[in-house]
Amino acid sequence: MTAAMAVDESSFEREILEAEKPVLVDFWAPWCGPCRLVSPVVESFGDAHAEKISVAKLNTDENQALAMRYSIFSIPTLIVFHRGREAARLVGYMPQEAMEDRLREFIA
């Protein structure tokens, strides 16, 4: 299993905005119960589609400026960044099948 890369304010531009392929970023916090539920789903999704999409995790408590920049008002929020821009946004827990359905254009 490939772990999702951890990103922060110092690595976000390089790892996310300048990435060649789409990146699914999991905006989360350690105290968030639904975040703990969605985390293994995100990692499994990333493993299943590693050739098409990368997966990263961003702790909103430790990176509040980025959370504000991307208007993260509830967590977990999952954002796909593609070519340096937000391309899709999912909020809340969902099973892997629903995530794959919502993000089909990035993994097809």
C-alpha atoms as a PDB file:
ATOM      1  CA  MET A   1       0.000   0.000   0.000  1.00  0.00           C
ATOM      2  CA  THR A   2       1.349   3.394  -0.963  1.00  0.00           C
ATOM      3  CA  ALA A   3       0.858   5.953   1.753  1.00  0.00           C
ATOM      4  CA  ALA A   4      -0.531   9.325   0.774  1.00  0.00           C
ATOM      5  CA  MET A   5       2.150  11.993   0.775  1.00  0.00           C
ATOM      6  CA  ALA A   6       1.890  14.590   3.512  1.00  0.00           C
ATOM      7  CA  VAL A   7       1.994  18.146   2.208  1.00  0.00           C
ATOM      8  CA  ASP A   8       2.172  21.490   3.957  1.00  0.00           C
ATOM      9  CA  GLU A   9       2.500  25.142   3.076  1.00  0.00           C
ATOM     10  CA  SER A  10       6.170  24.727   2.123  1.00  0.00           C
ATOM     11  CA  SER A  11       5.607  21.807  -0.269  1.00  0.00           C
ATOM     12  CA  PHE A  12       2.079  22.459  -1.581  1.00  0.00           C
ATOM     13  CA  GLU A  13       3.002  24.395  -4.714  1.00  0.00           C
ATOM     14  CA  ARG A  14       5.721  21.959  -5.778  1.00  0.00           C
ATOM     15  CA  GLU A  15       3.886  18.712  -4.946  1.00  0.00           C
ATOM     16  CA  ILE A  16       0.317  19.718  -5.834  1.00  0.00           C
ATOM     17  CA  LEU A  17       0.089  22.741  -8.113  1.00  0.00           C
ATOM     18  CA  GLU A  18       3.100  21.791 -10.278  1.00  0.00           C
ATOM     19  CA  ALA A  19       2.297  18.055 -10.422  1.00  0.00           C
ATOM     20  CA  GLU A  20       2.186  16.392 -13.851  1.00  0.00           C
ATOM     21  CA  LYS A  21      -0.860  14.246 -13.057  1.00  0.00           C
ATOM     22  CA  PRO A  22      -3.959  15.072 -11.013  1.00  0.00           C
ATOM     23  CA  VAL A  23      -3.584  15.040  -7.221  1.00  0.00           C
ATOM     24  CA  LEU A  24      -6.398  14.249  -4.785  1.00  0.00           C
ATOM     25  CA  VAL A  25      -5.740  16.260  -1.612  1.00  0.00           C
ATOM     26  CA  ASP A  26      -7.420  15.148   1.615  1.00  0.00           C
ATOM     27  CA  PHE A  27      -7.895  18.209   3.860  1.00  0.00           C
ATOM     28  CA  TRP A  28      -8.229  16.740   7.371  1.00  0.00           C
ATOM     29  CA  ALA A  29      -7.520  17.258  11.081  1.00  0.00           C
ATOM     30  CA  PRO A  30      -6.558  14.739  13.784  1.00  0.00           C
ATOM     31  CA  TRP A  31      -9.652  15.462  15.939  1.00  0.00           C
ATOM     32  CA  CYS A  32     -12.090  14.852  13.044  1.00  0.00           C
ATOM     33  CA  GLY A  33     -13.942  11.520  13.265  1.00  0.00           C
ATOM     34  CA  PRO A  34     -15.189  11.487   9.640  1.00  0.00           C
ATOM     35  CA  CYS A  35     -11.613  12.293   8.529  1.00  0.00           C
ATOM     36  CA  ARG A  36     -10.418   9.090  10.200  1.00  0.00           C
ATOM     37  CA  LEU A  37     -13.164   7.169   8.390  1.00  0.00           C
ATOM     38  CA  VAL A  38     -12.374   8.585   4.935  1.00  0.00           C
ATOM     39  CA  SER A  39      -8.575   8.280   5.255  1.00  0.00           C
ATOM     40  CA  PRO A  40      -8.362   4.520   4.439  1.00  0.00           C
ATOM     41  CA  VAL A  41     -10.836   5.039   1.568  1.00  0.00           C
ATOM     42  CA  VAL A  42      -8.630   7.797   0.125  1.00  0.00           C
ATOM     43  CA  GLU A  43      -5.507   5.640   0.468  1.00  0.00           C
ATOM     44  CA  SER A  44      -7.222   2.631  -1.127  1.00  0.00           C
ATOM     45  CA  PHE A  45      -8.464   4.855  -3.972  1.00  0.00           C
ATOM     46  CA  GLY A  46      -4.914   6.141  -4.446  1.00  0.00           C
ATOM     47  CA  ASP A  47      -3.483   2.627  -4.523  1.00  0.00           C
ATOM     48  CA  ALA A  48      -6.101   1.446  -7.016  1.00  0.00           C
ATOM     49  CA  HIS A  49      -5.474   4.367  -9.370  1.00  0.00           C
ATOM     50  CA  ALA A  50      -1.814   5.255  -8.698  1.00  0.00           C
ATOM     51  CA  GLU A  51      -0.942   5.342 -12.411  1.00  0.00           C
ATOM     52  CA  LYS A  52      -3.551   8.069 -13.053  1.00  0.00           C
ATOM     53  CA  ILE A  53      -3.775  10.150  -9.840  1.00  0.00           C
ATOM     54  CA  SER A  54      -1.631  10.933  -6.809  1.00  0.00           C
ATOM     55  CA  VAL A  55      -2.956  11.288  -3.265  1.00  0.00           C
ATOM     56  CA  ALA A  56      -1.866  13.780  -0.620  1.00  0.00           C
ATOM     57  CA  LYS A  57      -2.993  14.721   2.882  1.00  0.00           C
ATOM     58  CA  LEU A  58      -2.997  18.222   4.342  1.00  0.00           C
ATOM     59  CA  ASN A  59      -3.554  18.798   8.068  1.00  0.00           C
ATOM     60  CA  THR A  60      -5.794  21.871   8.258  1.00  0.00           C
ATOM     61  CA  ASP A  61      -4.842  22.601  11.884  1.00  0.00           C
ATOM     62  CA  GLU A  62      -1.182  22.914  10.903  1.00  0.00           C
ATOM     63  CA  ASN A  63      -1.807  24.675   7.560  1.00  0.00           C
ATOM     64  CA  GLN A  64      -4.584  27.144   8.266  1.00  0.00           C
ATOM     65  CA  ALA A  65      -3.536  29.587   5.533  1.00  0.00           C
ATOM     66  CA  LEU A  66      -4.004  26.893   2.860  1.00  0.00           C
ATOM     67  CA  ALA A  67      -7.308  25.815   4.394  1.00  0.00           C
ATOM     68  CA  MET A  68      -8.505  29.421   4.178  1.00  0.00           C
ATOM     69  CA  ARG A  69      -7.100  29.871   0.660  1.00  0.00           C
ATOM     70  CA  TYR A  70      -9.168  26.926  -0.588  1.00  0.00           C
ATOM     71  CA  SER A  71     -12.270  27.763   1.495  1.00  0.00           C
ATOM     72  CA  ILE A  72     -12.206  24.604   3.590  1.00  0.00           C
ATOM     73  CA  PHE A  73     -15.229  25.138   5.834  1.00  0.00           C
ATOM     74  CA  SER A  74     -15.885  21.523   6.782  1.00  0.00           C
ATOM     75  CA  ILE A  75     -13.681  18.473   6.831  1.00  0.00           C
ATOM     76  CA  PRO A  76     -12.990  16.078   5.398  1.00  0.00           C
ATOM     77  CA  THR A  77     -12.849  17.955   2.114  1.00  0.00           C
ATOM     78  CA  LEU A  78     -11.209  16.261  -0.869  1.00  0.00           C
ATOM     79  CA  ILE A  79     -10.021  18.429  -3.745  1.00  0.00           C
ATOM     80  CA  VAL A  80      -8.570  17.223  -7.026  1.00  0.00           C
ATOM     81  CA  PHE A  81      -5.977  19.631  -8.379  1.00  0.00           C
ATOM     82  CA  HIS A  82      -5.116  19.308 -12.065  1.00  0.00           C
ATOM     83  CA  ARG A  83      -2.762  21.585 -13.990  1.00  0.00           C
ATOM     84  CA  GLY A  84      -2.456  23.854 -10.967  1.00  0.00           C
ATOM     85  CA  ARG A  85      -6.184  24.436 -10.471  1.00  0.00           C
ATOM     86  CA  GLU A  86      -9.041  22.968  -8.479  1.00  0.00           C
ATOM     87  CA  ALA A  87     -10.823  20.510 -10.770  1.00  0.00           C
ATOM     88  CA  ALA A  88     -13.220  18.727  -8.374  1.00  0.00           C
ATOM     89  CA  ARG A  89     -14.324  18.947  -4.747  1.00  0.00           C
ATOM     90  CA  LEU A  90     -15.933  16.322  -2.513  1.00  0.00           C
ATOM     91  CA  VAL A  91     -17.044  17.079   1.047  1.00  0.00           C
ATOM     92  CA  GLY A  92     -17.656  14.493   3.752  1.00  0.00           C
ATOM     93  CA  TYR A  93     -17.275  10.748   3.992  1.00  0.00           C
ATOM     94  CA  MET A  94     -18.107   8.519   1.048  1.00  0.00           C
ATOM     95  CA  PRO A  95     -17.342   4.889   0.180  1.00  0.00           C
ATOM     96  CA  GLN A  96     -14.679   4.163  -2.424  1.00  0.00           C
ATOM     97  CA  GLU A  97     -17.231   3.258  -5.128  1.00  0.00           C
ATOM     98  CA  ALA A  98     -18.896   6.678  -4.769  1.00  0.00           C
ATOM     99  CA  MET A  99     -15.505   8.389  -4.829  1.00  0.00           C
ATOM    100  CA  GLU A 100     -14.545   6.512  -8.003  1.00  0.00           C
ATOM    101  CA  ASP A 101     -17.855   7.438  -9.600  1.00  0.00           C
ATOM    102  CA  ARG A 102     -17.482  11.146  -8.741  1.00  0.00           C
ATOM    103  CA  LEU A 103     -13.844  11.227  -9.905  1.00  0.00           C
ATOM    104  CA  ARG A 104     -14.191   8.999 -12.973  1.00  0.00           C
ATOM    105  CA  GLU A 105     -12.862  11.645 -15.385  1.00  0.00           C
ATOM    106  CA  PHE A 106      -9.496  11.610 -13.570  1.00  0.00           C
ATOM    107  CA  ILE A 107      -9.075   7.825 -13.419  1.00  0.00           C
ATOM    108  CA  ALA A 108     -10.581   6.648 -16.719  1.00  0.00           C
END
